[in-house]
Amino acid sequence: MTTTLDRTTTTAAGQRAASRAAWSALSTADRARLLAECSGIAVGGTSRHALAHGPQDPRSHENQIGGGDLPSRCDRVLHDVAAHAAALPAGSIRSTRVRTELVVDTGFPLELAALHLAAALIADETVLLGLCGPVTAGTLRYVRAVAALLPGGVLRISRGDRLVNGGTDRVVWLSSDCVTDRSPVTRGLAVVAAMTTSRQIVDGTSDPARPATAPTS
């Protein structure tokens, strides 16, 4: 016997599948633009929430000198990506349809991690974003809001200490001394990193657990 709950569950799953298919059907530029729009809505909601709860501690990570709070800096990156993607030739970024785990280690700039996230999402990858170490409440609200605004299953958020969940097609590790993202899409957006941060995208080992090779004499 089919119950109301069964019908509701089936309908919800169908809606998620339809929204996911609609996302995949978008062009690269349209996915980048929609991501930027979702980020703008998310950062606006985050700012209103912060105002409702009073000023933030000036010592917090989100109030570092660097041009505004952290969600706003991430938002600027995603809008820069959208503007850059709009100027790319049609079909220059192919849809990959892979599942990616993007692990952001403690101390890695989240505004630069936003560039790697954008590259994966506009290439039509589904992303599990793992945030290691302490993350402020405002930042967590922002990334969760972006995930909620995107089609279901496109972006999921995980918290933990140096976590790698596995079960995905590729794992990208972002830390201060090792960046394992070899995606050609990220390389194509490197110009955005130059515009938004002084940090460079540096190749590292593809295995974040592998120790560095000692120099030979």
Protein backbone atom coordinates (compact mmCIF):
# COMPACT_ATOMS: atom_id res chain seq x y z
CA MET A 1 0.00 0.00 0.00
CA THR A 2 1.33 3.44 -0.95
CA THR A 3 1.07 5.92 1.89
CA THR A 4 1.14 9.72 1.86
CA LEU A 5 4.67 9.55 3.30
CA ASP A 6 5.79 7.27 0.45
CA ARG A 7 4.34 9.65 -2.12
CA THR A 8 5.95 12.64 -0.42
CA THR A 9 9.35 10.90 -0.31
CA THR A 10 9.09 9.88 -3.95
CA THR A 11 8.07 13.39 -4.97
CA ALA A 12 10.95 14.94 -3.02
CA ALA A 13 13.45 12.55 -4.59
CA GLY A 14 12.02 13.31 -8.04
CA GLN A 15 12.31 17.04 -7.42
CA ARG A 16 15.95 16.68 -6.32
CA ALA A 17 16.72 14.62 -9.41
CA ALA A 18 14.99 17.17 -11.65
CA SER A 19 16.84 20.12 -10.11
CA ARG A 20 20.13 18.22 -10.37
CA ALA A 21 19.46 17.48 -14.05
CA ALA A 22 18.56 21.12 -14.67
CA TRP A 23 21.86 22.19 -13.04
CA SER A 24 23.81 19.79 -15.28
CA ALA A 25 22.01 21.12 -18.34
CA LEU A 26 23.24 24.67 -17.69
CA SER A 27 26.27 26.05 -19.48
CA THR A 28 29.51 26.65 -17.60
CA ALA A 29 28.83 30.39 -17.48
CA ASP A 30 25.27 29.85 -16.24
CA ARG A 31 26.41 27.49 -13.46
CA ALA A 32 29.03 30.06 -12.40
CA ARG A 33 26.45 32.86 -12.49
CA LEU A 34 23.91 30.87 -10.46
CA LEU A 35 26.59 29.94 -7.93
CA ALA A 36 27.45 33.64 -7.53
CA GLU A 37 23.75 34.53 -7.10
CA CYS A 38 23.34 31.84 -4.41
CA SER A 39 26.46 33.16 -2.68
CA GLY A 40 25.09 36.70 -2.74
CA ILE A 41 21.85 35.58 -1.11
CA ALA A 42 23.76 33.51 1.46
CA VAL A 43 26.18 36.27 2.40
CA GLY A 44 23.28 38.75 2.69
CA GLY A 45 21.50 36.43 5.11
CA THR A 46 24.71 35.87 7.06
CA SER A 47 25.25 39.62 7.40
CA ARG A 48 21.69 40.20 8.63
CA HIS A 49 22.12 37.39 11.17
CA ALA A 50 25.36 38.96 12.42
CA LEU A 51 23.70 42.39 12.79
CA ALA A 52 20.84 40.84 14.74
CA HIS A 53 23.32 39.37 17.22
CA GLY A 54 25.48 42.46 17.62
CA PRO A 55 29.01 43.26 16.44
CA GLN A 56 31.49 40.43 16.10
CA ASP A 57 34.61 40.12 18.19
CA PRO A 58 37.22 42.23 16.35
CA ARG A 59 39.80 39.53 17.10
CA SER A 60 37.85 36.83 15.23
CA HIS A 61 39.12 35.29 11.98
CA GLU A 62 36.22 36.83 10.05
CA ASN A 63 37.36 40.33 10.98
CA GLN A 64 40.96 40.02 9.90
CA ILE A 65 42.43 42.84 7.85
CA GLY A 66 41.91 41.79 4.27
CA GLY A 67 38.88 43.59 2.96
CA GLY A 68 35.79 42.68 4.95
CA ASP A 69 34.48 39.59 6.68
CA LEU A 70 35.31 36.13 5.38
CA PRO A 71 31.91 35.29 3.78
CA SER A 72 32.05 38.58 1.86
CA ARG A 73 35.56 37.80 0.60
CA CYS A 74 34.42 34.34 -0.54
CA ASP A 75 31.43 35.98 -2.21
CA ARG A 76 33.72 38.31 -4.15
CA VAL A 77 35.75 35.32 -5.36
CA LEU A 78 32.61 33.56 -6.63
CA HIS A 79 31.43 36.72 -8.40
CA ASP A 80 34.88 37.12 -9.98
CA VAL A 81 34.70 33.49 -11.13
CA ALA A 82 31.28 34.12 -12.67
CA ALA A 83 32.56 37.17 -14.55
CA HIS A 84 35.59 35.25 -15.80
CA ALA A 85 33.54 32.18 -16.80
CA ALA A 86 31.16 34.38 -18.80
CA ALA A 87 34.09 35.45 -20.97
CA LEU A 88 35.30 31.91 -21.69
CA PRO A 89 34.54 30.36 -25.09
CA ALA A 90 31.50 28.09 -25.11
CA GLY A 91 32.48 24.49 -24.38
CA SER A 92 35.93 25.39 -23.04
CA ILE A 93 35.11 23.61 -19.76
CA ARG A 94 33.65 20.14 -20.17
CA SER A 95 31.17 18.65 -17.73
CA THR A 96 32.86 15.95 -15.65
CA ARG A 97 29.95 14.61 -13.55
CA VAL A 98 32.37 13.23 -10.95
CA ARG A 99 32.00 13.20 -7.16
CA THR A 100 34.67 15.23 -5.37
CA GLU A 101 35.66 15.53 -1.74
CA LEU A 102 37.28 18.91 -1.12
CA VAL A 103 39.09 18.94 2.22
CA VAL A 104 40.14 22.37 3.54
CA ASP A 105 42.82 21.98 6.19
CA THR A 106 43.27 24.28 9.17
CA GLY A 107 44.93 27.54 8.16
CA PHE A 108 44.15 27.35 4.45
CA PRO A 109 42.47 30.60 3.30
CA LEU A 110 38.79 29.91 2.74
CA GLU A 111 38.53 32.60 0.08
CA LEU A 112 41.10 30.65 -1.95
CA ALA A 113 39.27 27.40 -1.17
CA ALA A 114 36.20 29.10 -2.67
CA LEU A 115 38.06 29.21 -6.00
CA HIS A 116 38.65 25.44 -5.93
CA LEU A 117 35.02 24.90 -4.90
CA ALA A 118 33.77 27.09 -7.75
CA ALA A 119 35.98 25.28 -10.27
CA ALA A 120 34.53 21.91 -9.24
CA LEU A 121 30.92 23.08 -9.20
CA ILE A 122 30.98 24.83 -12.56
CA ALA A 123 32.54 21.67 -14.05
CA ASP A 124 29.36 19.90 -12.84
CA GLU A 125 31.05 17.96 -10.06
CA THR A 126 29.11 17.17 -6.89
CA VAL A 127 31.18 18.28 -3.92
CA LEU A 128 31.53 17.19 -0.31
CA LEU A 129 33.23 20.18 1.32
CA GLY A 130 35.16 19.13 4.42
CA LEU A 131 36.12 21.93 6.81
CA CYS A 132 38.85 21.02 9.29
CA GLY A 133 39.69 22.86 12.47
CA PRO A 134 37.85 25.86 13.92
CA VAL A 135 35.35 27.65 11.69
CA THR A 136 33.42 30.67 12.90
CA ALA A 137 29.65 30.48 13.19
CA GLY A 138 29.17 33.11 10.48
CA THR A 139 31.32 31.21 8.00
CA LEU A 140 29.50 27.97 8.72
CA ARG A 141 26.12 29.68 8.25
CA TYR A 142 27.32 31.06 4.93
CA VAL A 143 28.58 27.78 3.41
CA ARG A 144 25.52 25.88 4.64
CA ALA A 145 23.26 28.52 3.13
CA VAL A 146 25.05 28.25 -0.24
CA ALA A 147 24.63 24.45 -0.10
CA ALA A 148 20.93 24.81 0.71
CA LEU A 149 20.33 27.23 -2.17
CA LEU A 150 22.02 25.04 -4.78
CA PRO A 151 20.17 22.00 -6.20
CA GLY A 152 19.95 19.11 -3.75
CA GLY A 153 23.10 17.00 -3.55
CA VAL A 154 25.31 19.38 -5.55
CA LEU A 155 27.12 20.64 -2.42
CA ARG A 156 27.30 19.02 1.01
CA ILE A 157 29.18 20.26 4.07
CA SER A 158 31.15 18.15 6.55
CA ARG A 159 33.04 19.18 9.70
CA GLY A 160 35.88 17.36 11.39
CA ASP A 161 39.57 17.15 12.17
CA ARG A 162 41.66 16.40 9.04
CA LEU A 163 38.80 14.33 7.69
CA VAL A 164 38.71 12.30 4.50
CA ASN A 165 35.41 10.47 4.15
CA GLY A 166 36.16 8.59 0.93
CA GLY A 167 33.64 7.05 -1.41
CA THR A 168 34.11 9.79 -4.01
CA ASP A 169 35.80 9.81 -7.41
CA ARG A 170 38.56 12.14 -6.31
CA VAL A 171 39.83 13.78 -3.14
CA VAL A 172 41.31 17.28 -3.21
CA TRP A 173 43.42 18.29 -0.23
CA LEU A 174 43.99 21.99 0.44
CA SER A 175 46.54 22.88 3.10
CA SER A 176 49.13 25.60 3.58
CA ASP A 177 51.94 23.42 2.20
CA CYS A 178 50.10 21.02 -0.12
CA VAL A 179 47.43 21.62 -2.76
CA THR A 180 46.44 18.45 -4.61
CA ASP A 181 43.88 19.96 -6.97
CA ARG A 182 45.09 19.08 -10.48
CA SER A 183 41.79 20.02 -12.13
CA PRO A 184 42.33 21.84 -15.45
CA VAL A 185 39.32 23.97 -14.56
CA THR A 186 41.12 25.27 -11.48
CA ARG A 187 44.14 26.06 -13.64
CA GLY A 188 41.90 27.95 -16.02
CA LEU A 189 40.60 30.08 -13.16
CA ALA A 190 44.04 30.80 -11.69
CA VAL A 191 43.77 34.37 -12.98
CA VAL A 192 40.91 34.86 -10.53
CA ALA A 193 43.19 33.82 -7.66
CA ALA A 194 45.65 36.49 -8.73
CA MET A 195 42.87 39.08 -8.60
CA THR A 196 41.47 38.06 -5.23
CA THR A 197 44.37 36.84 -3.10
CA SER A 198 48.13 37.01 -2.91
CA ARG A 199 48.30 33.25 -2.40
CA GLN A 200 49.41 31.10 -5.31
CA ILE A 201 48.05 27.71 -6.35
CA VAL A 202 51.02 25.41 -5.79
CA ASP A 203 51.13 21.76 -6.79
CA GLY A 204 51.83 19.23 -4.08
CA THR A 205 51.84 15.48 -3.79
CA SER A 206 48.60 13.76 -4.74
CA ASP A 207 48.77 11.88 -1.42
CA PRO A 208 48.42 14.29 1.53
CA ALA A 209 49.71 11.63 3.93
CA ARG A 210 52.97 11.07 2.04
CA PRO A 211 55.97 12.71 3.80
CA ALA A 212 58.06 15.19 1.89
CA THR A 213 61.10 13.75 0.18
CA ALA A 214 64.34 14.66 1.91
CA PRO A 215 66.85 16.53 -0.28
CA THR A 216 69.75 14.46 -1.53
CA SER A 217 73.32 15.65 -1.47
